[in-house]
């Protein structure tokens, strides 16, 4: 539960990996609308859970119960019947009756956690840039990994590498800043 879809998926991936499960993602919009089709999908998913170590992440992050009543109903029907490990990514907690659930609030990593993620992602000589980046940008674990992966690895000069990392981090943070301005 929480507004950051990327962090919720990161937590689900980590939890599934820790359990030795392969995680699959299913956008809630892909769930069938008809009850018969939802039941068929549940049978297929149940079979998959018996055949191998799998988990499912149902991505309902952008689902509004009021605006998307059909998708909401399909999701609740699927979740009530599905077996195995199923993660549900939502902004607000859903009320379930008769379904054993555990709810976790998931937010972007705290500054210290982000600094450690930056340090791991950037590698050599990353202590100072990691602290600066974590102090300035509030990015998800996935975004930090994407920024670090996008930096040109052939840059040898520490200052040039730091500047490029900073610019890339700004690009990832900018869409959120633009949205706030509107």
Protein backbone atom coordinates (compact mmCIF):
# COMPACT_ATOMS: atom_id res chain seq x y z
CA UNK A 1 0.00 0.00 0.00
CA UNK A 2 1.35 3.41 -0.95
CA UNK A 3 1.66 5.96 -3.72
CA UNK A 4 4.99 4.77 -5.13
CA UNK A 5 4.36 1.88 -7.53
CA UNK A 6 8.04 1.34 -8.22
CA UNK A 7 8.86 0.82 -4.54
CA UNK A 8 5.91 -1.53 -4.08
CA UNK A 9 7.09 -3.67 -7.00
CA UNK A 10 10.64 -3.61 -5.63
CA UNK A 11 9.43 -4.91 -2.26
CA UNK A 12 7.34 -7.62 -3.95
CA UNK A 13 10.31 -8.70 -6.11
CA UNK A 14 12.59 -8.83 -3.07
CA UNK A 15 10.06 -10.78 -0.98
CA UNK A 16 9.42 -13.25 -3.82
CA UNK A 17 13.15 -13.73 -4.37
CA UNK A 18 13.69 -14.30 -0.64
CA UNK A 19 10.99 -16.99 -0.80
CA UNK A 20 12.62 -18.56 -3.87
CA UNK A 21 9.69 -17.58 -6.09
CA UNK A 22 9.64 -16.16 -9.60
CA UNK A 23 7.44 -13.06 -9.63
CA UNK A 24 5.04 -12.33 -12.47
CA UNK A 25 3.26 -8.97 -12.88
CA UNK A 26 -0.35 -8.65 -13.95
CA UNK A 27 -1.80 -5.16 -14.55
CA UNK A 28 -5.31 -5.07 -13.10
CA UNK A 29 -6.63 -3.79 -16.44
CA UNK A 30 -5.69 -7.16 -17.97
CA UNK A 31 -8.04 -9.08 -15.67
CA UNK A 32 -11.11 -10.35 -17.51
CA UNK A 33 -14.40 -8.60 -16.85
CA UNK A 34 -16.65 -11.67 -16.81
CA UNK A 35 -16.85 -13.94 -13.76
CA UNK A 36 -16.47 -17.10 -15.86
CA UNK A 37 -13.24 -15.78 -17.37
CA UNK A 38 -11.91 -14.73 -13.95
CA UNK A 39 -12.60 -18.27 -12.68
CA UNK A 40 -10.74 -19.72 -15.67
CA UNK A 41 -7.78 -17.42 -15.02
CA UNK A 42 -7.78 -18.53 -11.37
CA UNK A 43 -7.65 -22.19 -12.42
CA UNK A 44 -4.73 -21.45 -14.76
CA UNK A 45 -2.92 -19.53 -12.02
CA UNK A 46 -3.61 -22.30 -9.48
CA UNK A 47 -2.05 -24.79 -11.90
CA UNK A 48 1.01 -22.58 -12.29
CA UNK A 49 1.48 -22.43 -8.52
CA UNK A 50 1.44 -26.23 -8.42
CA UNK A 51 3.90 -26.59 -11.30
CA UNK A 52 6.56 -24.22 -10.06
CA UNK A 53 7.68 -21.70 -7.45
CA UNK A 54 5.81 -18.61 -8.61
CA UNK A 55 4.20 -15.51 -7.14
CA UNK A 56 1.99 -12.87 -8.72
CA UNK A 57 2.03 -9.09 -8.41
CA UNK A 58 -1.37 -7.61 -9.31
CA UNK A 59 -0.66 -4.00 -10.20
CA UNK A 60 -3.70 -1.96 -9.22
CA UNK A 61 -1.74 1.16 -8.34
CA UNK A 62 -3.81 3.42 -10.57
CA UNK A 63 -7.14 1.76 -9.86
CA UNK A 64 -9.88 3.81 -8.28
CA UNK A 65 -12.73 1.78 -6.79
CA UNK A 66 -15.20 4.50 -7.70
CA UNK A 67 -14.02 5.26 -11.24
CA UNK A 68 -13.07 1.71 -12.27
CA UNK A 69 -15.86 -0.37 -10.75
CA UNK A 70 -15.55 -3.19 -13.32
CA UNK A 71 -11.78 -3.59 -12.84
CA UNK A 72 -12.20 -3.31 -9.06
CA UNK A 73 -14.83 -6.07 -9.06
CA UNK A 74 -12.71 -8.31 -11.30
CA UNK A 75 -9.68 -7.77 -9.07
CA UNK A 76 -11.60 -8.61 -5.91
CA UNK A 77 -13.08 -11.71 -7.55
CA UNK A 78 -9.65 -12.87 -8.73
CA UNK A 79 -7.97 -12.20 -5.38
CA UNK A 80 -10.73 -14.06 -3.51
CA UNK A 81 -10.15 -17.21 -5.62
CA UNK A 82 -6.42 -17.16 -6.44
CA UNK A 83 -4.08 -19.43 -4.53
CA UNK A 84 -0.40 -19.13 -3.79
CA UNK A 85 1.51 -15.96 -3.03
CA UNK A 86 -0.19 -12.91 -4.52
CA UNK A 87 0.94 -9.33 -3.96
CA UNK A 88 -1.46 -6.46 -4.59
CA UNK A 89 -0.02 -3.03 -5.36
CA UNK A 90 -2.52 -0.29 -4.47
CA UNK A 91 -2.49 3.31 -3.29
CA UNK A 92 -5.07 2.75 -0.54
CA UNK A 93 -5.70 -0.45 1.43
CA UNK A 94 -8.60 -2.58 0.29
CA UNK A 95 -10.99 -4.24 2.72
CA UNK A 96 -11.24 -8.00 2.24
CA UNK A 97 -13.56 -10.36 4.04
CA UNK A 98 -12.68 -14.00 4.40
CA UNK A 99 -9.30 -13.64 2.65
CA UNK A 100 -6.17 -13.87 4.79
CA UNK A 101 -4.14 -10.75 4.03
CA UNK A 102 -1.13 -8.91 5.36
CA UNK A 103 -0.88 -5.21 4.61
CA UNK A 104 2.38 -3.25 4.41
CA UNK A 105 2.79 0.46 3.87
CA UNK A 106 5.49 0.90 1.23
CA UNK A 107 7.21 4.20 0.59
CA UNK A 108 10.32 5.26 -1.23
CA UNK A 109 13.50 4.47 0.67
CA UNK A 110 14.54 6.88 3.41
CA UNK A 111 17.57 9.10 2.84
CA UNK A 112 19.99 6.69 4.55
CA UNK A 113 18.60 3.76 2.56
CA UNK A 114 18.89 5.75 -0.65
CA UNK A 115 22.49 6.62 0.17
CA UNK A 116 23.29 2.92 0.56
CA UNK A 117 21.50 2.13 -2.72
CA UNK A 118 23.46 4.88 -4.49
CA UNK A 119 26.69 3.56 -3.02
CA UNK A 120 25.99 0.02 -4.23
CA UNK A 121 24.78 1.17 -7.64
CA UNK A 122 27.65 3.57 -8.34
CA UNK A 123 30.42 1.37 -7.02
CA UNK A 124 33.93 2.73 -6.72
CA UNK A 125 34.53 6.03 -4.96
CA UNK A 126 30.80 6.60 -4.48
CA UNK A 127 30.63 7.68 -0.83
CA UNK A 128 30.50 11.47 -1.35
CA UNK A 129 28.29 11.45 -4.48
CA UNK A 130 25.95 8.93 -2.83
CA UNK A 131 25.38 11.22 0.15
CA UNK A 132 24.82 14.25 -2.11
CA UNK A 133 22.42 12.38 -4.39
CA UNK A 134 20.43 10.88 -1.51
CA UNK A 135 20.18 14.31 0.13
CA UNK A 136 18.93 16.02 -3.02
CA UNK A 137 16.75 13.48 -4.85
CA UNK A 138 13.97 11.31 -3.41
CA UNK A 139 14.04 8.39 -5.85
CA UNK A 140 12.84 4.81 -5.64
CA UNK A 141 15.28 1.91 -5.54
CA UNK A 142 14.46 1.09 -9.17
CA UNK A 143 15.04 4.69 -10.27
CA UNK A 144 18.40 4.80 -8.49
CA UNK A 145 19.39 1.61 -10.31
CA UNK A 146 18.24 3.04 -13.65
CA UNK A 147 20.14 6.28 -13.13
CA UNK A 148 23.33 4.45 -12.17
CA UNK A 149 22.99 2.08 -15.14
CA UNK A 150 22.51 5.01 -17.54
CA UNK A 151 25.76 6.75 -16.55
CA UNK A 152 28.56 6.35 -19.09
CA UNK A 153 30.92 3.79 -17.53
CA UNK A 154 33.85 4.93 -19.67
CA UNK A 155 34.09 8.28 -17.87
CA UNK A 156 37.26 8.06 -15.78
CA UNK A 157 37.24 11.54 -14.22
CA UNK A 158 35.40 11.40 -10.86
CA UNK A 159 34.02 14.93 -11.16
CA UNK A 160 32.71 14.38 -14.69
CA UNK A 161 31.11 11.09 -13.61
CA UNK A 162 29.53 12.84 -10.60
CA UNK A 163 28.12 15.62 -12.80
CA UNK A 164 26.66 13.15 -15.30
CA UNK A 165 25.08 11.12 -12.48
CA UNK A 166 23.60 14.32 -11.05
CA UNK A 167 22.14 15.30 -14.43
CA UNK A 168 20.63 11.86 -14.94
CA UNK A 169 19.11 11.92 -11.45
CA UNK A 170 17.57 15.31 -12.24
CA UNK A 171 15.95 13.80 -15.34
CA UNK A 172 14.32 11.08 -13.23
CA UNK A 173 13.17 13.55 -10.59
CA UNK A 174 11.97 16.17 -13.11
CA UNK A 175 8.66 14.50 -14.18
CA UNK A 176 7.57 14.51 -10.55
CA UNK A 177 8.57 18.16 -10.18
CA UNK A 178 6.71 19.07 -13.37
CA UNK A 179 3.60 17.29 -12.07
CA UNK A 180 3.78 19.26 -8.84
CA UNK A 181 3.97 22.53 -10.78
CA UNK A 182 0.70 21.83 -12.60
